[in-house]
Structure formats: structure tokens, C-alpha cells
């Protein structure tokens, strides 16, 4: 996982990702994944999904998928929360934060394999 880089203004998002992803997945965990590109002024984001697999497995699948899409990004993570509503709130906050920094949200149709 590549988290925020001070030169890219991702500090708040990286901190949220660290706080939300710092424990193993449980049956009630939900996640979304993001990738940010200051070069392209985009904030790529997946829909929320129940986290059935390990954080490492999910992030590996996300990075592989991003690579196949040929999307440029400087940072990426898959934050977690206890339920779908909390993840949706985090997604909306991240979209607002990134919009305030000139990055438009691009919703991607991705979810991890079971």
C-alpha cells in the first residue's frame, strides 16, 4: 500500500486510511478503495464493499486492477469501517476533501474477488 506523500497534500486522507485500516477484517468490516492523482487531478474511488478478505489481499487486487486500467496515481489505500453507512460517510468526506484540492472524483466499478 502506498499512502499519502507530503508533497501531494494527501495527509488527511492518509491519516483517515491509517486509522480506519489498522486492524484485521471482521465479519462486519466494510471498505472502499481509492487512488489519488495530483497529476491528473483525479480521485479514483471504488464503491463500498463488505471486506471478506484480508487487507493485504484486497489492496493487492486493487493495485493489480488499477495497473490493468493504466490509471496514474500517487497514493492509494483501502480504508475500513464497521458498517456500510460509516464507509459511505468516509467516501463522501473524501470526495469533498479532494474537490477542495482540485481533484475530481471518478467512481470506478470495482470490487475485490471473493
Foldseek 3Di string as FASTA:
>chain_A
DFADDVVQPRVVVRVQQCVQQVDWADQQKKKKKWFADPPVLAIEIEQIDRPPDTQVQFVVQVVVVCVVVVDDGDHMGIGMDRHNVVRVVVVVVVQVVSVVVRHHYDYDHDDGDD
